PDB file of N, CA and C in Angstrom:
ATOM      1  N   MET A   1     110.097  65.153 107.253  1.00  0.00           N
ATOM      2  CA  MET A   1     109.945  66.945 106.472  1.00  0.00           C
ATOM      3  C   MET A   1     110.357  67.597 107.512  1.00  0.00           C
ATOM      4  N   PRO A   2     111.137  68.791 106.973  1.00  0.00           N
ATOM      5  CA  PRO A   2     111.479  69.630 107.933  1.00  0.00           C
ATOM      6  C   PRO A   2     110.635  70.573 108.624  1.00  0.00           C
ATOM      7  N   HIS A   3     110.603  70.938 109.697  1.00  0.00           N
ATOM      8  CA  HIS A   3     109.970  72.213 110.217  1.00  0.00           C
ATOM      9  C   HIS A   3     109.496  73.060 109.461  1.00  0.00           C
ATOM     10  N   PRO A   4     108.453  73.860 109.295  1.00  0.00           N
ATOM     11  CA  PRO A   4     107.640  74.800 108.408  1.00  0.00           C
ATOM     12  C   PRO A   4     108.373  75.891 108.915  1.00  0.00           C
ATOM     13  N   TYR A   5     108.826  76.745 107.910  1.00  0.00           N
ATOM     14  CA  TYR A   5     109.313  78.206 107.467  1.00  0.00           C
ATOM     15  C   TYR A   5     107.986  78.744 107.450  1.00  0.00           C
ATOM     16  N   VAL A   6     107.134  79.498 108.831  1.00  0.00           N
ATOM     17  CA  VAL A   6     106.167  80.206 108.766  1.00  0.00           C
ATOM     18  C   VAL A   6     106.384  82.005 108.158  1.00  0.00           C
ATOM     19  N   ILE A   7     105.531  82.317 107.257  1.00  0.00           N
ATOM     20  CA  ILE A   7     105.653  83.809 107.230  1.00  0.00           C
ATOM     21  C   ILE A   7     104.181  84.135 107.226  1.00  0.00           C
ATOM     22  N   SER A   8     103.858  85.507 107.949  1.00  0.00           N
ATOM     23  CA  SER A   8     103.009  86.189 107.708  1.00  0.00           C
ATOM     24  C   SER A   8     102.643  87.239 106.869  1.00  0.00           C
ATOM     25  N   GLN A   9     101.321  87.116 105.856  1.00  0.00           N
ATOM     26  CA  GLN A   9     101.463  88.066 105.085  1.00  0.00           C
ATOM     27  C   GLN A   9     100.470  89.541 105.436  1.00  0.00           C
ATOM     28  N   ASP A  10     101.702  90.034 106.262  1.00  0.00           N
ATOM     29  CA  ASP A  10     100.586  91.164 106.739  1.00  0.00           C
ATOM     30  C   ASP A  10     101.318  92.455 105.879  1.00  0.00           C
ATOM     31  N   ILE A  11     101.847  92.759 104.768  1.00  0.00           N
ATOM     32  CA  ILE A  11     102.359  93.542 104.130  1.00  0.00           C
ATOM     33  C   ILE A  11     101.896  94.437 103.820  1.00  0.00           C
ATOM     34  N   ARG A  12     100.520  93.999 103.255  1.00  0.00           N
ATOM     35  CA  ARG A  12      99.356  94.672 102.387  1.00  0.00           C
ATOM     36  C   ARG A  12      98.757  95.790 103.646  1.00  0.00           C
ATOM     37  N   GLY A  13      98.193  95.520 104.593  1.00  0.00           N
ATOM     38  CA  GLY A  13      97.849  95.949 105.971  1.00  0.00           C
ATOM     39  C   GLY A  13      98.523  97.125 106.326  1.00  0.00           C
ATOM     40  N   LEU A  14      99.891  97.032 106.184  1.00  0.00           N
ATOM     41  CA  LEU A  14     101.114  98.084 107.034  1.00  0.00           C
ATOM     42  C   LEU A  14     101.124  98.881 105.719  1.00  0.00           C
ATOM     43  N   LEU A  15     101.315  98.374 104.657  1.00  0.00           N
ATOM     44  CA  LEU A  15     101.717  99.391 103.815  1.00  0.00           C
ATOM     45  C   LEU A  15     100.432 100.250 103.485  1.00  0.00           C
ATOM     46  N   GLU A  16      99.178  99.921 103.342  1.00  0.00           N
ATOM     47  CA  GLU A  16      98.105 100.964 103.278  1.00  0.00           C
ATOM     48  C   GLU A  16      97.720 101.728 104.457  1.00  0.00           C
ATOM     49  N   ASP A  17      98.077 101.506 105.548  1.00  0.00           N
ATOM     50  CA  ASP A  17      98.268 102.401 106.539  1.00  0.00           C
ATOM     51  C   ASP A  17      98.880 103.097 106.378  1.00  0.00           C
ATOM     52  N   TRP A  18     100.357 102.931 106.009  1.00  0.00           N
ATOM     53  CA  TRP A  18     101.533 103.692 106.063  1.00  0.00           C
ATOM     54  C   TRP A  18     100.971 104.842 104.753  1.00  0.00           C
ATOM     55  N   ALA A  19     100.435 104.389 103.736  1.00  0.00           N
ATOM     56  CA  ALA A  19     100.707 105.032 102.454  1.00  0.00           C
ATOM     57  C   ALA A  19      99.435 106.144 102.663  1.00  0.00           C
ATOM     58  N   SER A  20      98.490 105.744 103.535  1.00  0.00           N
ATOM     59  CA  SER A  20      97.072 106.569 103.735  1.00  0.00           C
ATOM     60  C   SER A  20      97.728 107.602 104.694  1.00  0.00           C
ATOM     61  N   GLN A  21      98.440 107.368 105.766  1.00  0.00           N
ATOM     62  CA  GLN A  21      98.970 108.120 106.529  1.00  0.00           C
ATOM     63  C   GLN A  21      99.673 109.577 105.937  1.00  0.00           C
ATOM     64  N   ARG A  22     100.403 109.019 104.780  1.00  0.00           N
ATOM     65  CA  ARG A  22     101.361 110.276 104.212  1.00  0.00           C
ATOM     66  C   ARG A  22     100.564 110.637 102.930  1.00  0.00           C
ATOM     67  N   GLY A  23      99.394 109.989 102.352  1.00  0.00           N
ATOM     68  CA  GLY A  23      98.843 110.699 101.206  1.00  0.00           C
ATOM     69  C   GLY A  23      99.124 110.071  99.789  1.00  0.00           C
ATOM     70  N   PHE A  24      99.393 108.745 100.313  1.00  0.00           N
ATOM     71  CA  PHE A  24      99.585 108.134  98.941  1.00  0.00           C
ATOM     72  C   PHE A  24      98.598 106.842  99.013  1.00  0.00           C
ATOM     73  N   CYS A  25      98.526 106.233  97.670  1.00  0.00           N
ATOM     74  CA  CYS A  25      97.735 104.815  97.533  1.00  0.00           C
ATOM     75  C   CYS A  25      98.658 103.889  97.304  1.00  0.00           C
ATOM     76  N   ALA A  26      98.158 102.406  98.197  1.00  0.00           N
ATOM     77  CA  ALA A  26      98.823 101.227  97.863  1.00  0.00           C
ATOM     78  C   ALA A  26      98.245 100.632  96.984  1.00  0.00           C
ATOM     79  N   PRO A  27      99.123  99.948  96.236  1.00  0.00           N
ATOM     80  CA  PRO A  27      98.897  98.850  95.152  1.00  0.00           C
ATOM     81  C   PRO A  27      97.357  98.271  95.445  1.00  0.00           C
ATOM     82  N   ASP A  28      97.075  97.649  94.449  1.00  0.00           N
ATOM     83  CA  ASP A  28      95.553  96.814  94.635  1.00  0.00           C
ATOM     84  C   ASP A  28      96.105  95.439  95.417  1.00  0.00           C
ATOM     85  N   LEU A  29      95.060  94.742  95.621  1.00  0.00           N
ATOM     86  CA  LEU A  29      94.926  93.585  96.076  1.00  0.00           C
ATOM     87  C   LEU A  29      95.588  92.476  95.282  1.00  0.00           C
ATOM     88  N   GLY A  30      95.768  92.560  93.835  1.00  0.00           N
ATOM     89  CA  GLY A  30      96.214  91.617  92.861  1.00  0.00           C
ATOM     90  C   GLY A  30      97.812  92.003  92.849  1.00  0.00           C
ATOM     91  N   PHE A  31      98.345  93.345  93.182  1.00  0.00           N
ATOM     92  CA  PHE A  31      99.637  93.430  93.205  1.00  0.00           C
ATOM     93  C   PHE A  31      99.970  92.609  94.365  1.00  0.00           C
ATOM     94  N   PHE A  32      99.508  92.671  95.220  1.00  0.00           N
ATOM     95  CA  PHE A  32      99.671  91.788  96.806  1.00  0.00           C
ATOM     96  C   PHE A  32      99.978  90.264  96.384  1.00  0.00           C
ATOM     97  N   ARG A  33      98.609  89.697  95.931  1.00  0.00           N
ATOM     98  CA  ARG A  33      98.552  88.560  95.783  1.00  0.00           C
ATOM     99  C   ARG A  33      99.965  87.878  94.814  1.00  0.00           C
ATOM    100  N   GLU A  34     100.134  88.544  93.839  1.00  0.00           N
ATOM    101  CA  GLU A  34     101.287  87.968  92.805  1.00  0.00           C
ATOM    102  C   GLU A  34     102.799  88.362  93.116  1.00  0.00           C
ATOM    103  N   TRP A  35     102.597  89.153  94.388  1.00  0.00           N
ATOM    104  CA  TRP A  35     103.997  89.319  94.897  1.00  0.00           C
ATOM    105  C   TRP A  35     104.373  88.249  96.003  1.00  0.00           C
ATOM    106  N   ARG A  36     103.122  87.988  96.870  1.00  0.00           N
ATOM    107  CA  ARG A  36     103.082  87.213  97.727  1.00  0.00           C
ATOM    108  C   ARG A  36     103.415  85.755  97.222  1.00  0.00           C
ATOM    109  N   GLY A  37     102.942  85.402  95.917  1.00  0.00           N
ATOM    110  CA  GLY A  37     102.993  84.062  95.826  1.00  0.00           C
ATOM    111  C   GLY A  37     104.356  84.068  94.847  1.00  0.00           C
ATOM    112  N   LYS A  38     105.074  84.939  94.253  1.00  0.00           N
ATOM    113  CA  LYS A  38     106.367  85.032  94.254  1.00  0.00           C
ATOM    114  C   LYS A  38     107.384  85.046  95.177  1.00  0.00           C
ATOM    115  N   PHE A  39     107.229  85.725  96.323  1.00  0.00           N
ATOM    116  CA  PHE A  39     107.849  85.980  97.602  1.00  0.00           C
ATOM    117  C   PHE A  39     107.942  83.964  98.289  1.00  0.00           C
ATOM    118  N   THR A  40     106.580  83.668  98.145  1.00  0.00           N
ATOM    119  CA  THR A  40     106.588  82.559  98.952  1.00  0.00           C
ATOM    120  C   THR A  40     107.305  81.243  97.928  1.00  0.00           C
ATOM    121  N   ASP A  41     107.156  81.327  96.820  1.00  0.00           N
ATOM    122  CA  ASP A  41     107.969  80.133  95.832  1.00  0.00           C
ATOM    123  C   ASP A  41     109.433  80.465  96.103  1.00  0.00           C
ATOM    124  N   LYS A  42     109.751  81.716  95.947  1.00  0.00           N
ATOM    125  CA  LYS A  42     111.387  81.921  96.296  1.00  0.00           C
ATOM    126  C   LYS A  42     112.164  81.269  97.759  1.00  0.00           C
ATOM    127  N   LEU A  43     110.927  81.656  98.656  1.00  0.00           N
ATOM    128  CA  LEU A  43     111.329  81.000 100.117  1.00  0.00           C
ATOM    129  C   LEU A  43     111.296  79.505 100.035  1.00  0.00           C
ATOM    130  N   LYS A  44     110.427  79.050  99.253  1.00  0.00           N
ATOM    131  CA  LYS A  44     110.763  77.587  99.167  1.00  0.00           C
ATOM    132  C   LYS A  44     111.964  76.895  98.716  1.00  0.00           C
ATOM    133  N   THR A  45     112.407  77.829  97.837  1.00  0.00           N
ATOM    134  CA  THR A  45     113.802  77.350  97.262  1.00  0.00           C
ATOM    135  C   THR A  45     114.711  77.385  98.262  1.00  0.00           C
ATOM    136  N   VAL A  46     114.518  77.984  99.382  1.00  0.00           N
ATOM    137  CA  VAL A  46     115.596  78.071 100.230  1.00  0.00           C
ATOM    138  C   VAL A  46     115.408  77.300 101.394  1.00  0.00           C
ATOM    139  N   PHE A  47     114.037  77.349 101.801  1.00  0.00           N
ATOM    140  CA  PHE A  47     113.800  76.766 103.033  1.00  0.00           C
ATOM    141  C   PHE A  47     112.597  75.133 102.679  1.00  0.00           C
ATOM    142  N   GLY A  48     112.533  74.951 101.730  1.00  0.00           N
ATOM    143  CA  GLY A  48     111.330  73.960 101.175  1.00  0.00           C
ATOM    144  C   GLY A  48     110.227  74.462 102.052  1.00  0.00           C
ATOM    145  N   ASN A  49     110.093  73.714 103.002  1.00  0.00           N
ATOM    146  CA  ASN A  49     108.688  73.719 103.742  1.00  0.00           C
ATOM    147  C   ASN A  49     108.346  75.075 104.194  1.00  0.00           C
ATOM    148  N   VAL A  50     107.666  75.954 103.423  1.00  0.00           N
ATOM    149  CA  VAL A  50     106.939  77.085 103.951  1.00  0.00           C
ATOM    150  C   VAL A  50     105.445  77.345 103.842  1.00  0.00           C
ATOM    151  N   HIS A  51     105.130  77.895 105.220  1.00  0.00           N
ATOM    152  CA  HIS A  51     103.556  78.034 105.378  1.00  0.00           C
ATOM    153  C   HIS A  51     103.349  79.515 105.237  1.00  0.00           C
ATOM    154  N   SER A  52     102.651  79.919 104.571  1.00  0.00           N
ATOM    155  CA  SER A  52     102.380  81.627 104.482  1.00  0.00           C
ATOM    156  C   SER A  52     100.755  81.614 105.109  1.00  0.00           C
ATOM    157  N   LEU A  53     100.786  82.702 106.107  1.00  0.00           N
ATOM    158  CA  LEU A  53      99.249  82.791 106.930  1.00  0.00           C
ATOM    159  C   LEU A  53      98.679  84.174 106.142  1.00  0.00           C
ATOM    160  N   ASP A  54      97.920  83.925 106.138  1.00  0.00           N
ATOM    161  CA  ASP A  54      96.634  85.275 105.479  1.00  0.00           C
ATOM    162  C   ASP A  54      96.511  86.057 106.560  1.00  0.00           C
ATOM    163  N   GLU A  55      96.947  87.438 106.267  1.00  0.00           N
ATOM    164  CA  GLU A  55      96.589  88.582 107.236  1.00  0.00           C
ATOM    165  C   GLU A  55      95.377  88.610 108.063  1.00  0.00           C
ATOM    166  N   GLU A  56      94.359  88.220 107.029  1.00  0.00           N
ATOM    167  CA  GLU A  56      92.594  88.470 107.639  1.00  0.00           C
ATOM    168  C   GLU A  56      92.538  87.207 108.292  1.00  0.00           C
ATOM    169  N   GLU A  57      93.096  85.853 108.224  1.00  0.00           N
ATOM    170  CA  GLU A  57      93.107  85.015 108.801  1.00  0.00           C
ATOM    171  C   GLU A  57      93.439  85.420 110.394  1.00  0.00           C
ATOM    172  N   ILE A  58      94.565  85.815 110.519  1.00  0.00           N
ATOM    173  CA  ILE A  58      95.383  86.319 111.855  1.00  0.00           C
ATOM    174  C   ILE A  58      94.664  87.331 112.473  1.00  0.00           C
ATOM    175  N   LYS A  59      93.976  88.261 111.672  1.00  0.00           N
ATOM    176  CA  LYS A  59      93.207  89.110 112.278  1.00  0.00           C
ATOM    177  C   LYS A  59      92.050  88.544 112.734  1.00  0.00           C
ATOM    178  N   GLU A  60      91.334  87.713 112.221  1.00  0.00           N
ATOM    179  CA  GLU A  60      89.901  86.945 112.574  1.00  0.00           C
ATOM    180  C   GLU A  60      90.256  86.463 113.561  1.00  0.00           C
ATOM    181  N   GLY A  61      91.024  85.491 113.704  1.00  0.00           N
ATOM    182  CA  GLY A  61      91.719  84.505 114.898  1.00  0.00           C
ATOM    183  C   GLY A  61      91.574  85.358 116.410  1.00  0.00           C
ATOM    184  N   ILE A  62      92.534  86.525 115.940  1.00  0.00           N
ATOM    185  CA  ILE A  62      92.730  87.298 117.401  1.00  0.00           C
ATOM    186  C   ILE A  62      91.365  88.129 117.627  1.00  0.00           C
ATOM    187  N   ARG A  63      90.475  88.676 116.818  1.00  0.00           N
ATOM    188  CA  ARG A  63      89.458  89.127 117.190  1.00  0.00           C
ATOM    189  C   ARG A  63      88.524  88.112 118.064  1.00  0.00           C
ATOM    190  N   GLU A  64      88.487  86.924 117.429  1.00  0.00           N
ATOM    191  CA  GLU A  64      87.561  86.029 118.098  1.00  0.00           C
ATOM    192  C   GLU A  64      87.946  85.805 119.351  1.00  0.00           C
ATOM    193  N   ARG A  65      89.343  85.593 119.714  1.00  0.00           N
ATOM    194  CA  ARG A  65      89.861  85.317 121.121  1.00  0.00           C
ATOM    195  C   ARG A  65      89.719  86.167 121.685  1.00  0.00           C
ATOM    196  N   VAL A  66      90.092  87.977 121.361  1.00  0.00           N
ATOM    197  CA  VAL A  66      89.655  88.921 122.491  1.00  0.00           C
ATOM    198  C   VAL A  66      88.433  88.861 122.864  1.00  0.00           C
ATOM    199  N   ALA A  67      87.362  88.603 121.955  1.00  0.00           N
ATOM    200  CA  ALA A  67      86.010  88.617 122.160  1.00  0.00           C
ATOM    201  C   ALA A  67      85.380  87.796 123.128  1.00  0.00           C
ATOM    202  N   ARG A  68      86.285  86.650 123.441  1.00  0.00           N
ATOM    203  CA  ARG A  68      85.804  85.865 124.499  1.00  0.00           C
ATOM    204  C   ARG A  68      86.240  85.759 126.141  1.00  0.00           C
ATOM    205  N   PHE A  69      87.036  87.218 125.978  1.00  0.00           N
ATOM    206  CA  PHE A  69      87.404  87.526 127.371  1.00  0.00           C
ATOM    207  C   PHE A  69      87.352  88.901 127.387  1.00  0.00           C
ATOM    208  N   SER A  70      87.114  89.195 128.932  1.00  0.00           N
ATOM    209  CA  SER A  70      86.782  90.689 129.188  1.00  0.00           C
ATOM    210  C   SER A  70      88.107  91.360 129.883  1.00  0.00           C
ATOM    211  N   LEU A  71      88.990  90.957 129.115  1.00  0.00           N
ATOM    212  CA  LEU A  71      90.542  91.283 129.808  1.00  0.00           C
ATOM    213  C   LEU A  71      91.282  92.390 128.800  1.00  0.00           C
ATOM    214  N   PRO A  72      91.793  93.150 129.403  1.00  0.00           N
ATOM    215  CA  PRO A  72      92.628  94.431 128.611  1.00  0.00           C
ATOM    216  C   PRO A  72      93.593  93.787 127.503  1.00  0.00           C
ATOM    217  N   VAL A  73      93.538  94.058 126.166  1.00  0.00           N
ATOM    218  CA  VAL A  73      94.463  93.618 125.278  1.00  0.00           C
ATOM    219  C   VAL A  73      95.951  94.498 125.354  1.00  0.00           C
ATOM    220  N   ILE A  74      96.839  93.416 125.169  1.00  0.00           N
ATOM    221  CA  ILE A  74      98.141  93.963 125.244  1.00  0.00           C
ATOM    222  C   ILE A  74      98.821  93.639 123.723  1.00  0.00           C
ATOM    223  N   SER A  75      99.719  94.527 123.137  1.00  0.00           N
ATOM    224  CA  SER A  75      99.789  94.377 121.756  1.00  0.00           C
ATOM    225  C   SER A  75     101.016  94.776 121.514  1.00  0.00           C
ATOM    226  N   MET A  76     102.302  94.145 120.875  1.00  0.00           N
ATOM    227  CA  MET A  76     103.448  94.605 120.664  1.00  0.00           C
ATOM    228  C   MET A  76     103.497  95.529 119.571  1.00  0.00           C
ATOM    229  N   ASP A  77     102.452  95.234 119.010  1.00  0.00           N
ATOM    230  CA  ASP A  77     102.429  96.317 117.621  1.00  0.00           C
ATOM    231  C   ASP A  77     101.149  96.635 116.844  1.00  0.00           C
ATOM    232  N   ARG A  78     100.612  97.154 116.122  1.00  0.00           N
ATOM    233  CA  ARG A  78      99.554  97.334 115.573  1.00  0.00           C
ATOM    234  C   ARG A  78      99.000  96.399 114.192  1.00  0.00           C
ATOM    235  N   ALA A  79      99.820  95.729 113.877  1.00  0.00           N
ATOM    236  CA  ALA A  79      99.961  94.561 112.537  1.00  0.00           C
ATOM    237  C   ALA A  79      98.258  93.699 112.419  1.00  0.00           C
ATOM    238  N   TYR A  80      98.164  93.497 113.496  1.00  0.00           N
ATOM    239  CA  TYR A  80      96.837  92.546 113.674  1.00  0.00           C
ATOM    240  C   TYR A  80      95.866  92.836 114.247  1.00  0.00           C
ATOM    241  N   PHE A  81      95.992  93.653 115.562  1.00  0.00           N
ATOM    242  CA  PHE A  81      94.546  94.072 116.272  1.00  0.00           C
ATOM    243  C   PHE A  81      94.322  95.655 116.158  1.00  0.00           C
ATOM    244  N   GLU A  82      93.293  96.054 115.988  1.00  0.00           N
ATOM    245  CA  GLU A  82      92.800  97.140 115.652  1.00  0.00           C
ATOM    246  C   GLU A  82      91.672  97.475 116.753  1.00  0.00           C
ATOM    247  N   GLY A  83      92.039  98.454 117.531  1.00  0.00           N
ATOM    248  CA  GLY A  83      90.686  98.533 118.368  1.00  0.00           C
ATOM    249  C   GLY A  83      91.320  99.100 119.612  1.00  0.00           C
ATOM    250  N   ASP A  84      90.499  99.008 121.008  1.00  0.00           N
ATOM    251  CA  ASP A  84      90.693  99.408 122.357  1.00  0.00           C
ATOM    252  C   ASP A  84      92.190  98.657 122.820  1.00  0.00           C
ATOM    253  N   ALA A  85      93.252  98.822 122.614  1.00  0.00           N
ATOM    254  CA  ALA A  85      93.898  98.228 123.222  1.00  0.00           C
ATOM    255  C   ALA A  85      95.628  99.089 123.809  1.00  0.00           C
ATOM    256  N   TYR A  86      96.246  97.785 124.731  1.00  0.00           N
ATOM    257  CA  TYR A  86      97.523  99.286 124.943  1.00  0.00           C
ATOM    258  C   TYR A  86      98.555  98.335 124.081  1.00  0.00           C
ATOM    259  N   TYR A  87      99.058  99.164 123.021  1.00  0.00           N
ATOM    260  CA  TYR A  87     100.285  98.871 122.132  1.00  0.00           C
ATOM    261  C   TYR A  87     101.381  99.153 122.915  1.00  0.00           C
ATOM    262  N   LEU A  88     102.142  98.338 122.840  1.00  0.00           N
ATOM    263  CA  LEU A  88     103.756  98.641 123.327  1.00  0.00           C
ATOM    264  C   LEU A  88     104.595  99.210 122.165  1.00  0.00           C
ATOM    265  N   ASP A  89     104.175  98.833 120.683  1.00  0.00           N
ATOM    266  CA  ASP A  89     104.913  99.449 119.600  1.00  0.00           C
ATOM    267  C   ASP A  89     106.593  99.008 119.839  1.00  0.00           C
ATOM    268  N   ILE A  90     106.913  98.065 120.257  1.00  0.00           N
ATOM    269  CA  ILE A  90     108.165  97.851 120.168  1.00  0.00           C
ATOM    270  C   ILE A  90     108.346  96.339 119.088  1.00  0.00           C
ATOM    271  N   THR A  91     109.698  96.219 118.890  1.00  0.00           N
ATOM    272  CA  THR A  91     110.227  95.056 118.067  1.00  0.00           C
ATOM    273  C   THR A  91     111.590  94.400 118.554  1.00  0.00           C
ATOM    274  N   ARG A  92     111.712  93.365 118.093  1.00  0.00           N
ATOM    275  CA  ARG A  92     113.309  93.054 118.664  1.00  0.00           C
ATOM    276  C   ARG A  92     114.381  93.070 117.868  1.00  0.00           C
ATOM    277  N   LEU A  93     115.184  93.735 118.019  1.00  0.00           N
ATOM    278  CA  LEU A  93     116.387  94.160 117.047  1.00  0.00           C
ATOM    279  C   LEU A  93     117.629  93.066 117.458  1.00  0.00           C
ATOM    280  N   VAL A  94     118.564  93.312 116.517  1.00  0.00           N
ATOM    281  CA  VAL A  94     119.663  92.649 116.803  1.00  0.00           C
ATOM    282  C   VAL A  94     120.912  93.402 116.295  1.00  0.00           C
ATOM    283  N   HIS A  95     122.084  93.226 116.974  1.00  0.00           N
ATOM    284  CA  HIS A  95     122.925  94.062 116.540  1.00  0.00           C
ATOM    285  C   HIS A  95     123.543  93.793 115.156  1.00  0.00           C
ATOM    286  N   PRO A  96     124.168  94.541 113.990  1.00  0.00           N
ATOM    287  CA  PRO A  96     124.074  93.707 112.878  1.00  0.00           C
ATOM    288  C   PRO A  96     125.790  93.202 112.948  1.00  0.00           C
ATOM    289  N   SER A  97     126.666  93.349 113.860  1.00  0.00           N
ATOM    290  CA  SER A  97     127.807  92.527 113.761  1.00  0.00           C
ATOM    291  C   SER A  97     127.745  91.340 114.515  1.00  0.00           C
ATOM    292  N   THR A  98     126.657  91.122 115.434  1.00  0.00           N
ATOM    293  CA  THR A  98     126.844  90.084 116.524  1.00  0.00           C
ATOM    294  C   THR A  98     125.191  89.266 116.228  1.00  0.00           C
ATOM    295  N   LEU A  99     124.573  89.602 115.412  1.00  0.00           N
ATOM    296  CA  LEU A  99     123.351  88.934 115.127  1.00  0.00           C
ATOM    297  C   LEU A  99     122.626  88.527 116.170  1.00  0.00           C
ATOM    298  N   GLU A 100     122.959  87.276 116.358  1.00  0.00           N
ATOM    299  CA  GLU A 100     122.126  86.565 117.608  1.00  0.00           C
ATOM    300  C   GLU A 100     122.928  86.751 119.084  1.00  0.00           C
ATOM    301  N   LYS A 101     123.909  87.130 118.987  1.00  0.00           N
ATOM    302  CA  LYS A 101     124.586  87.329 120.392  1.00  0.00           C
ATOM    303  C   LYS A 101     123.949  88.568 121.320  1.00  0.00           C
ATOM    304  N   GLU A 102     123.535  89.612 120.774  1.00  0.00           N
ATOM    305  CA  GLU A 102     122.791  90.817 121.481  1.00  0.00           C
ATOM    306  C   GLU A 102     121.722  90.813 120.726  1.00  0.00           C
ATOM    307  N   GLN A 103     120.670  90.976 121.907  1.00  0.00           N
ATOM    308  CA  GLN A 103     119.244  91.250 121.637  1.00  0.00           C
ATOM    309  C   GLN A 103     118.790  92.145 122.227  1.00  0.00           C
ATOM    310  N   PHE A 104     118.083  93.293 121.516  1.00  0.00           N
ATOM    311  CA  PHE A 104     117.221  94.417 122.414  1.00  0.00           C
ATOM    312  C   PHE A 104     115.863  94.648 121.860  1.00  0.00           C
ATOM    313  N   ILE A 105     115.274  95.496 122.793  1.00  0.00           N
ATOM    314  CA  ILE A 105     113.811  95.610 122.518  1.00  0.00           C
ATOM    315  C   ILE A 105     114.099  97.333 122.320  1.00  0.00           C
ATOM    316  N   GLY A 106     113.484  97.632 121.027  1.00  0.00           N
ATOM    317  CA  GLY A 106     113.282  99.022 120.335  1.00  0.00           C
ATOM    318  C   GLY A 106     112.206  99.147 120.053  1.00  0.00           C
ATOM    319  N   SER A 107     112.044 100.623 119.494  1.00  0.00           N
ATOM    320  CA  SER A 107     110.466 101.227 119.061  1.00  0.00           C
ATOM    321  C   SER A 107     110.370 100.811 117.866  1.00  0.00           C
ATOM    322  N   ARG A 108     108.915 100.737 117.047  1.00  0.00           N
ATOM    323  CA  ARG A 108     108.973 100.505 115.725  1.00  0.00           C
ATOM    324  C   ARG A 108     109.141 101.460 114.698  1.00  0.00           C
ATOM    325  N   THR A 109     109.357 102.757 115.475  1.00  0.00           N
ATOM    326  CA  THR A 109     109.868 103.865 114.273  1.00  0.00           C
ATOM    327  C   THR A 109     111.159 104.223 114.630  1.00  0.00           C
ATOM    328  N   ALA A 110     112.093 103.663 115.695  1.00  0.00           N
ATOM    329  CA  ALA A 110     113.480 103.581 115.735  1.00  0.00           C
ATOM    330  C   ALA A 110     113.869 104.929 116.162  1.00  0.00           C
ATOM    331  N   SER A 111     112.782 105.445 117.056  1.00  0.00           N
ATOM    332  CA  SER A 111     112.704 106.559 117.553  1.00  0.00           C
ATOM    333  C   SER A 111     113.579 106.614 119.086  1.00  0.00           C
ATOM    334  N   GLN A 112     113.437 105.347 119.596  1.00  0.00           N
ATOM    335  CA  GLN A 112     113.627 105.410 120.863  1.00  0.00           C
ATOM    336  C   GLN A 112     114.518 103.668 120.548  1.00  0.00           C
ATOM    337  N   ARG A 113     115.474 103.743 121.444  1.00  0.00           N
ATOM    338  CA  ARG A 113     115.524 102.056 121.442  1.00  0.00           C
ATOM    339  C   ARG A 113     116.108 101.764 123.312  1.00  0.00           C
ATOM    340  N   ARG A 114     115.639 100.571 123.713  1.00  0.00           N
ATOM    341  CA  ARG A 114     115.885 100.013 125.159  1.00  0.00           C
ATOM    342  C   ARG A 114     116.543  98.798 125.045  1.00  0.00           C
ATOM    343  N   SER A 115     117.926  98.876 125.382  1.00  0.00           N
ATOM    344  CA  SER A 115     118.820  97.770 125.363  1.00  0.00           C
ATOM    345  C   SER A 115     118.393  97.129 126.472  1.00  0.00           C
ATOM    346  N   SER A 116     118.305  95.534 126.622  1.00  0.00           N
ATOM    347  CA  SER A 116     118.284  94.647 127.523  1.00  0.00           C
ATOM    348  C   SER A 116     119.623  94.496 128.237  1.00  0.00           C
ATOM    349  N   SER A 117     120.402  94.787 127.486  1.00  0.00           N
ATOM    350  CA  SER A 117     122.015  94.124 128.082  1.00  0.00           C
ATOM    351  C   SER A 117     122.799  95.681 127.962  1.00  0.00           C
ATOM    352  N   ARG A 118     122.772  96.981 127.330  1.00  0.00           N
ATOM    353  CA  ARG A 118     123.402  97.893 127.416  1.00  0.00           C
ATOM    354  C   ARG A 118     122.811  98.944 127.468  1.00  0.00           C
ATOM    355  N   GLU A 119     122.999 100.317 127.997  1.00  0.00           N
ATOM    356  CA  GLU A 119     122.085 101.461 127.730  1.00  0.00           C
ATOM    357  C   GLU A 119     122.057 101.977 126.611  1.00  0.00           C
ATOM    358  N   SER A 120     122.872 102.173 125.725  1.00  0.00           N
ATOM    359  CA  SER A 120     122.702 102.412 124.569  1.00  0.00           C
ATOM    360  C   SER A 120     123.909 101.690 123.166  1.00  0.00           C
ATOM    361  N   TRP A 121     123.398 101.989 121.958  1.00  0.00           N
ATOM    362  CA  TRP A 121     124.354 101.396 120.839  1.00  0.00           C
ATOM    363  C   TRP A 121     124.377 102.592 120.016  1.00  0.00           C
ATOM    364  N   GLU A 122     125.629 102.382 119.118  1.00  0.00           N
ATOM    365  CA  GLU A 122     125.783 103.364 118.066  1.00  0.00           C
ATOM    366  C   GLU A 122     125.597 102.597 116.999  1.00  0.00           C
ATOM    367  N   TRP A 123     124.565 102.967 116.307  1.00  0.00           N
ATOM    368  CA  TRP A 123     124.062 102.068 115.119  1.00  0.00           C
ATOM    369  C   TRP A 123     124.701 103.139 113.919  1.00  0.00           C
TER     370      TRP A 123
END
């Protein structure tokens, strides 16, 4: 059996946060469950072995581990940990024409981009 293609089900929390910050209402839980099921089924037709991780399981696992240690928390983004942490708010970017050849670290809001190999890119 091929290695699983693992996806996280974080769209609900991210969309709810985005919507509330802008005065909108996110769809109910039933919408997300239906959408996730369809999305996972579609991915299975492409990758075969797909494992979908529940957002709340991920968050709870992180909370449990953080509670065991008295160390500062550093997080790349705000998707899974809410609380007293240092958020880097970064993501990995690839240039669309070269995909895997050029990798960058950029802001989640795309307001700033930090290149690991070049000073700037024209997107």
